[in-house]
């Protein structure tokens, strides 16, 4: 059985536009979520990690993070 980790990262936030691409603690916010999901994948808890976004910049960040 496969377990999928889905990371929703919308680019057009109403209160804080572009928040998922903002750098917090040395990395973009979405990079932290991707790192956690990848760690779960490395431990065998998750089979597939999917980043769902409507923003090209966030998608590029996700690809750089693996």
C-alpha atoms as a PDB file:
ATOM      1  CA  UNK A   1       0.000   0.000   0.000  1.00  0.00           C
ATOM      2  CA  UNK A   2       1.226   3.509  -0.872  1.00  0.00           C
ATOM      3  CA  UNK A   3       0.948   6.559   1.343  1.00  0.00           C
ATOM      4  CA  UNK A   4       0.976   9.975  -0.320  1.00  0.00           C
ATOM      5  CA  UNK A   5       2.027  13.217   1.376  1.00  0.00           C
ATOM      6  CA  UNK A   6       0.310  16.180  -0.288  1.00  0.00           C
ATOM      7  CA  UNK A   7       1.685  19.667   0.382  1.00  0.00           C
ATOM      8  CA  UNK A   8      -0.793  22.381  -0.667  1.00  0.00           C
ATOM      9  CA  UNK A   9       1.091  25.645  -1.250  1.00  0.00           C
ATOM     10  CA  UNK A  10      -1.051  28.367  -2.762  1.00  0.00           C
ATOM     11  CA  UNK A  11       0.757  31.398  -4.137  1.00  0.00           C
ATOM     12  CA  UNK A  12      -1.970  34.015  -3.806  1.00  0.00           C
ATOM     13  CA  UNK A  13      -2.534  34.339  -0.070  1.00  0.00           C
ATOM     14  CA  UNK A  14      -4.949  37.130   0.867  1.00  0.00           C
ATOM     15  CA  UNK A  15      -3.309  38.193   4.132  1.00  0.00           C
ATOM     16  CA  UNK A  16       0.350  37.628   3.243  1.00  0.00           C
ATOM     17  CA  UNK A  17       0.924  37.306  -0.522  1.00  0.00           C
ATOM     18  CA  UNK A  18       3.714  34.911  -1.452  1.00  0.00           C
ATOM     19  CA  UNK A  19       4.013  33.593   2.102  1.00  0.00           C
ATOM     20  CA  UNK A  20       5.049  30.094   1.006  1.00  0.00           C
ATOM     21  CA  UNK A  21       8.096  31.566  -0.759  1.00  0.00           C
ATOM     22  CA  UNK A  22       9.097  33.841   2.142  1.00  0.00           C
ATOM     23  CA  UNK A  23      12.343  32.887   3.865  1.00  0.00           C
ATOM     24  CA  UNK A  24      11.920  31.799   7.474  1.00  0.00           C
ATOM     25  CA  UNK A  25      14.771  30.335   9.524  1.00  0.00           C
ATOM     26  CA  UNK A  26      17.061  30.298   6.492  1.00  0.00           C
ATOM     27  CA  UNK A  27      14.771  28.656   3.918  1.00  0.00           C
ATOM     28  CA  UNK A  28      11.482  29.349   2.152  1.00  0.00           C
ATOM     29  CA  UNK A  29       8.434  28.265   4.149  1.00  0.00           C
ATOM     30  CA  UNK A  30       7.469  25.609   1.613  1.00  0.00           C
ATOM     31  CA  UNK A  31      10.997  24.156   1.796  1.00  0.00           C
ATOM     32  CA  UNK A  32      10.425  23.282   5.454  1.00  0.00           C
ATOM     33  CA  UNK A  33       7.245  21.366   4.570  1.00  0.00           C
ATOM     34  CA  UNK A  34       9.042  19.544   1.751  1.00  0.00           C
ATOM     35  CA  UNK A  35      11.936  18.642   4.073  1.00  0.00           C
ATOM     36  CA  UNK A  36       9.544  17.154   6.628  1.00  0.00           C
ATOM     37  CA  UNK A  37       7.717  15.160   3.957  1.00  0.00           C
ATOM     38  CA  UNK A  38      11.019  13.921   2.498  1.00  0.00           C
ATOM     39  CA  UNK A  39      12.187  12.860   5.964  1.00  0.00           C
ATOM     40  CA  UNK A  40       8.975  10.860   6.364  1.00  0.00           C
ATOM     41  CA  UNK A  41       9.658   9.299   2.961  1.00  0.00           C
ATOM     42  CA  UNK A  42      13.218   8.384   3.998  1.00  0.00           C
ATOM     43  CA  UNK A  43      11.815   6.672   7.119  1.00  0.00           C
ATOM     44  CA  UNK A  44       9.391   4.654   4.985  1.00  0.00           C
ATOM     45  CA  UNK A  45       6.298   6.363   6.399  1.00  0.00           C
ATOM     46  CA  UNK A  46       5.386   7.963   3.055  1.00  0.00           C
ATOM     47  CA  UNK A  47       5.759   6.550  -0.454  1.00  0.00           C
ATOM     48  CA  UNK A  48       5.158   9.651  -2.574  1.00  0.00           C
ATOM     49  CA  UNK A  49       5.516  13.391  -1.878  1.00  0.00           C
ATOM     50  CA  UNK A  50       3.381  15.760  -3.982  1.00  0.00           C
ATOM     51  CA  UNK A  51       3.578  19.558  -3.940  1.00  0.00           C
ATOM     52  CA  UNK A  52       0.392  21.166  -5.251  1.00  0.00           C
ATOM     53  CA  UNK A  53       0.692  24.846  -6.182  1.00  0.00           C
ATOM     54  CA  UNK A  54      -0.582  27.507  -8.558  1.00  0.00           C
ATOM     55  CA  UNK A  55       2.661  29.504  -8.455  1.00  0.00           C
ATOM     56  CA  UNK A  56       5.712  28.896 -10.668  1.00  0.00           C
ATOM     57  CA  UNK A  57       8.130  30.271  -8.045  1.00  0.00           C
ATOM     58  CA  UNK A  58       6.842  27.889  -5.371  1.00  0.00           C
ATOM     59  CA  UNK A  59       7.026  24.997  -7.843  1.00  0.00           C
ATOM     60  CA  UNK A  60      10.664  25.879  -8.577  1.00  0.00           C
ATOM     61  CA  UNK A  61      11.458  25.978  -4.861  1.00  0.00           C
ATOM     62  CA  UNK A  62       9.835  22.563  -4.463  1.00  0.00           C
ATOM     63  CA  UNK A  63      11.889  21.100  -7.308  1.00  0.00           C
ATOM     64  CA  UNK A  64      15.116  22.451  -5.816  1.00  0.00           C
ATOM     65  CA  UNK A  65      14.186  20.824  -2.494  1.00  0.00           C
ATOM     66  CA  UNK A  66      13.599  17.476  -4.149  1.00  0.00           C
END
